[in-house]
N, C-alpha and C. Protein backbone atom coordinates (compact mmCIF):
# COMPACT_ATOMS: atom_id res chain seq x y z
N UNK A 1 -85.78 14.39 -1.44
CA UNK A 1 -85.03 15.08 -2.47
C UNK A 1 -85.81 15.07 -3.78
N UNK A 2 -86.44 13.92 -4.09
CA UNK A 2 -87.19 13.82 -5.34
C UNK A 2 -88.34 14.81 -5.36
N UNK A 3 -89.05 14.94 -4.25
CA UNK A 3 -90.18 15.85 -4.20
C UNK A 3 -89.73 17.30 -4.37
N UNK A 4 -88.62 17.65 -3.74
CA UNK A 4 -88.11 19.03 -3.82
C UNK A 4 -87.75 19.37 -5.26
N UNK A 5 -87.07 18.45 -5.94
CA UNK A 5 -86.69 18.68 -7.33
C UNK A 5 -87.92 18.83 -8.22
N UNK A 6 -88.90 17.95 -8.02
CA UNK A 6 -90.13 18.02 -8.81
C UNK A 6 -90.92 19.29 -8.51
N UNK A 7 -90.98 19.66 -7.25
CA UNK A 7 -91.72 20.87 -6.88
C UNK A 7 -91.05 22.11 -7.46
N UNK A 8 -89.72 22.14 -7.46
CA UNK A 8 -89.01 23.28 -8.04
C UNK A 8 -89.28 23.39 -9.53
N UNK A 9 -89.22 22.28 -10.22
CA UNK A 9 -89.51 22.29 -11.67
C UNK A 9 -90.95 22.68 -11.94
N UNK A 10 -91.87 22.14 -11.15
CA UNK A 10 -93.29 22.47 -11.32
C UNK A 10 -93.54 23.95 -11.06
N UNK A 11 -92.85 24.52 -10.08
CA UNK A 11 -93.01 25.94 -9.77
C UNK A 11 -92.57 26.80 -10.95
N UNK A 12 -91.45 26.45 -11.56
CA UNK A 12 -90.95 27.23 -12.70
C UNK A 12 -91.92 27.10 -13.88
N UNK A 13 -92.39 25.87 -14.15
CA UNK A 13 -93.30 25.67 -15.29
C UNK A 13 -94.63 26.37 -15.06
N UNK A 14 -95.19 26.24 -13.87
CA UNK A 14 -96.46 26.92 -13.58
C UNK A 14 -96.30 28.44 -13.65
N UNK A 15 -95.18 28.95 -13.17
CA UNK A 15 -94.92 30.38 -13.27
C UNK A 15 -94.81 30.83 -14.70
N UNK A 16 -94.15 30.02 -15.53
CA UNK A 16 -94.02 30.35 -16.95
C UNK A 16 -95.38 30.33 -17.64
N UNK A 17 -96.20 29.33 -17.32
CA UNK A 17 -97.52 29.26 -17.94
C UNK A 17 -98.41 30.42 -17.54
N UNK A 18 -98.30 30.87 -16.29
CA UNK A 18 -99.12 31.99 -15.85
C UNK A 18 -98.52 33.33 -16.23
N UNK A 19 -97.33 33.31 -16.82
CA UNK A 19 -96.72 34.55 -17.31
C UNK A 19 -96.83 34.66 -18.83
N UNK A 20 -97.70 33.89 -19.41
CA UNK A 20 -97.89 33.95 -20.85
C UNK A 20 -96.83 33.18 -21.62
N UNK A 21 -96.17 32.23 -20.97
CA UNK A 21 -95.18 31.42 -21.66
C UNK A 21 -93.80 32.04 -21.71
N UNK A 22 -93.60 33.12 -21.02
CA UNK A 22 -92.29 33.77 -21.03
C UNK A 22 -91.24 32.95 -20.30
N UNK A 23 -89.98 33.11 -20.71
CA UNK A 23 -88.90 32.38 -20.07
C UNK A 23 -88.48 33.01 -18.75
N UNK A 24 -88.68 34.30 -18.60
CA UNK A 24 -88.34 34.99 -17.35
C UNK A 24 -89.62 35.10 -16.52
N UNK A 25 -89.60 34.43 -15.37
CA UNK A 25 -90.77 34.40 -14.50
C UNK A 25 -90.52 35.32 -13.31
N UNK A 26 -91.46 36.22 -13.02
CA UNK A 26 -91.29 37.07 -11.83
C UNK A 26 -91.21 36.22 -10.56
N UNK A 27 -90.37 36.67 -9.64
CA UNK A 27 -90.16 35.90 -8.40
C UNK A 27 -91.43 35.72 -7.59
N UNK A 28 -92.30 36.72 -7.58
CA UNK A 28 -93.52 36.59 -6.77
C UNK A 28 -94.41 35.45 -7.28
N UNK A 29 -94.41 35.20 -8.58
CA UNK A 29 -95.21 34.10 -9.11
C UNK A 29 -94.62 32.76 -8.69
N UNK A 30 -93.28 32.66 -8.70
CA UNK A 30 -92.65 31.43 -8.25
C UNK A 30 -92.93 31.18 -6.77
N UNK A 31 -92.91 32.24 -5.99
CA UNK A 31 -93.17 32.11 -4.55
C UNK A 31 -94.61 31.66 -4.31
N UNK A 32 -95.56 32.27 -5.02
CA UNK A 32 -96.97 31.90 -4.86
C UNK A 32 -97.19 30.44 -5.24
N UNK A 33 -96.65 30.01 -6.36
CA UNK A 33 -96.83 28.62 -6.78
C UNK A 33 -96.10 27.67 -5.83
N UNK A 34 -94.93 28.05 -5.36
CA UNK A 34 -94.21 27.21 -4.41
C UNK A 34 -94.97 27.04 -3.11
N UNK A 35 -95.53 28.12 -2.60
CA UNK A 35 -96.32 28.04 -1.37
C UNK A 35 -97.59 27.22 -1.58
N UNK A 36 -98.20 27.36 -2.74
CA UNK A 36 -99.41 26.58 -3.04
C UNK A 36 -99.11 25.08 -3.08
N UNK A 37 -98.04 24.72 -3.77
CA UNK A 37 -97.67 23.30 -3.84
C UNK A 37 -97.29 22.76 -2.46
N UNK A 38 -96.58 23.58 -1.69
CA UNK A 38 -96.19 23.17 -0.34
C UNK A 38 -97.42 22.97 0.54
N UNK A 39 -98.39 23.86 0.42
CA UNK A 39 -99.62 23.74 1.22
C UNK A 39 -100.37 22.45 0.89
N UNK A 40 -100.46 22.12 -0.39
CA UNK A 40 -101.14 20.89 -0.79
C UNK A 40 -100.41 19.67 -0.22
N UNK A 41 -99.09 19.67 -0.31
CA UNK A 41 -98.30 18.55 0.20
C UNK A 41 -98.45 18.42 1.72
N UNK A 42 -98.42 19.53 2.42
CA UNK A 42 -98.55 19.50 3.88
C UNK A 42 -99.93 18.99 4.29
N UNK A 43 -100.97 19.47 3.62
CA UNK A 43 -102.33 19.01 3.95
C UNK A 43 -102.46 17.51 3.69
N UNK A 44 -101.93 17.04 2.57
CA UNK A 44 -102.02 15.61 2.28
C UNK A 44 -101.24 14.79 3.30
N UNK A 45 -100.07 15.26 3.69
CA UNK A 45 -99.28 14.53 4.69
C UNK A 45 -99.96 14.51 6.05
N UNK A 46 -100.57 15.62 6.44
CA UNK A 46 -101.21 15.69 7.75
C UNK A 46 -102.50 14.89 7.81
N UNK A 47 -103.24 14.87 6.72
CA UNK A 47 -104.55 14.19 6.75
C UNK A 47 -104.44 12.71 6.44
N UNK A 48 -103.59 12.34 5.51
CA UNK A 48 -103.54 10.93 5.13
C UNK A 48 -102.16 10.32 5.16
N UNK A 49 -101.17 11.06 5.55
CA UNK A 49 -99.82 10.53 5.60
C UNK A 49 -99.20 10.39 4.22
N UNK A 50 -98.14 9.61 4.19
CA UNK A 50 -97.40 9.41 2.95
C UNK A 50 -98.22 8.67 1.91
N UNK A 51 -99.11 7.79 2.35
CA UNK A 51 -99.95 7.05 1.41
C UNK A 51 -100.84 8.00 0.60
N UNK A 52 -101.41 9.00 1.24
CA UNK A 52 -102.26 9.96 0.53
C UNK A 52 -101.44 10.75 -0.48
N UNK A 53 -100.22 11.11 -0.12
CA UNK A 53 -99.36 11.85 -1.05
C UNK A 53 -98.99 11.00 -2.25
N UNK A 54 -98.72 9.71 -2.02
CA UNK A 54 -98.39 8.81 -3.12
C UNK A 54 -99.59 8.58 -4.04
N UNK A 55 -100.76 8.42 -3.46
CA UNK A 55 -101.98 8.23 -4.27
C UNK A 55 -102.23 9.47 -5.12
N UNK A 56 -102.04 10.64 -4.54
CA UNK A 56 -102.22 11.89 -5.29
C UNK A 56 -101.24 11.98 -6.45
N UNK A 57 -100.00 11.60 -6.22
CA UNK A 57 -98.98 11.66 -7.28
C UNK A 57 -99.33 10.70 -8.41
N UNK A 58 -99.77 9.50 -8.09
CA UNK A 58 -100.13 8.52 -9.11
C UNK A 58 -101.38 8.97 -9.86
N UNK A 59 -102.35 9.49 -9.15
CA UNK A 59 -103.59 9.96 -9.78
C UNK A 59 -103.31 11.13 -10.72
N UNK A 60 -102.45 12.03 -10.32
CA UNK A 60 -102.12 13.18 -11.17
C UNK A 60 -101.28 12.76 -12.38
N UNK A 61 -100.48 11.71 -12.24
CA UNK A 61 -99.59 11.29 -13.33
C UNK A 61 -100.31 10.43 -14.37
N UNK A 62 -101.42 9.83 -14.02
CA UNK A 62 -102.10 8.91 -14.94
C UNK A 62 -102.49 9.55 -16.27
N UNK A 63 -103.10 10.74 -16.30
CA UNK A 63 -103.43 11.34 -17.60
C UNK A 63 -102.20 11.62 -18.45
N UNK A 64 -101.10 11.97 -17.82
CA UNK A 64 -99.87 12.23 -18.57
C UNK A 64 -99.33 10.95 -19.19
N UNK A 65 -99.56 9.81 -18.53
CA UNK A 65 -99.15 8.53 -19.09
C UNK A 65 -99.90 8.27 -20.40
N UNK A 66 -101.19 8.57 -20.41
CA UNK A 66 -101.97 8.38 -21.63
C UNK A 66 -101.48 9.29 -22.75
N UNK A 67 -101.13 10.52 -22.40
CA UNK A 67 -100.58 11.45 -23.40
C UNK A 67 -99.26 10.91 -23.94
N UNK A 68 -98.41 10.39 -23.07
CA UNK A 68 -97.12 9.86 -23.51
C UNK A 68 -97.29 8.64 -24.42
N UNK A 69 -98.26 7.79 -24.13
CA UNK A 69 -98.53 6.65 -24.99
C UNK A 69 -98.97 7.15 -26.37
N UNK A 70 -99.83 8.15 -26.40
CA UNK A 70 -100.25 8.73 -27.68
C UNK A 70 -99.09 9.34 -28.45
N UNK A 71 -98.20 10.02 -27.74
CA UNK A 71 -97.03 10.61 -28.39
C UNK A 71 -96.12 9.53 -28.97
N UNK A 72 -95.93 8.43 -28.24
CA UNK A 72 -95.11 7.33 -28.76
C UNK A 72 -95.74 6.72 -30.01
N UNK A 73 -97.05 6.58 -29.99
CA UNK A 73 -97.77 6.03 -31.13
C UNK A 73 -97.60 6.92 -32.36
N UNK A 74 -97.81 8.22 -32.19
CA UNK A 74 -97.69 9.12 -33.35
C UNK A 74 -96.24 9.23 -33.81
N UNK A 75 -95.28 9.12 -32.89
CA UNK A 75 -93.87 9.12 -33.30
C UNK A 75 -93.58 7.90 -34.15
N UNK A 76 -94.08 6.74 -33.75
CA UNK A 76 -93.86 5.51 -34.52
C UNK A 76 -94.48 5.63 -35.91
N UNK A 77 -95.67 6.19 -36.00
CA UNK A 77 -96.31 6.39 -37.30
C UNK A 77 -95.50 7.36 -38.15
N UNK A 78 -95.09 8.46 -37.57
CA UNK A 78 -94.29 9.43 -38.31
C UNK A 78 -92.97 8.87 -38.80
N UNK A 79 -92.32 8.09 -37.97
CA UNK A 79 -91.04 7.50 -38.38
C UNK A 79 -91.23 6.44 -39.46
N UNK A 80 -92.34 5.72 -39.42
CA UNK A 80 -92.58 4.70 -40.45
C UNK A 80 -92.91 5.34 -41.80
N UNK A 81 -93.41 6.56 -41.81
CA UNK A 81 -93.76 7.25 -43.05
C UNK A 81 -92.61 8.11 -43.57
N UNK A 82 -91.52 8.19 -42.81
CA UNK A 82 -90.38 9.01 -43.20
C UNK A 82 -89.68 8.39 -44.41
N UNK A 83 -89.32 9.23 -45.36
CA UNK A 83 -88.61 8.76 -46.54
C UNK A 83 -87.13 8.61 -46.22
N UNK A 84 -86.55 7.52 -46.67
CA UNK A 84 -85.12 7.28 -46.47
C UNK A 84 -84.37 7.96 -47.61
N UNK A 85 -83.35 8.72 -47.26
CA UNK A 85 -82.58 9.42 -48.31
C UNK A 85 -81.27 8.73 -48.57
């Protein structure tokens, strides 16, 4: 269930990014991205099993973790510089 929810969200976001950031994404773009993500998941499951899929998810998420740490840091700096009214 978790993978399906994530794949659905990723499909919408990738479709939006490839549509120039528009909120309305053509169905064919969602289908293409959905099939692409499904193909990657199937290949990983067939070649390396669930372990390969988990390693791929962790590897792909690592750069986003660094971005989130940077965002938390800049938020803390911004809040500390905020004037109290």
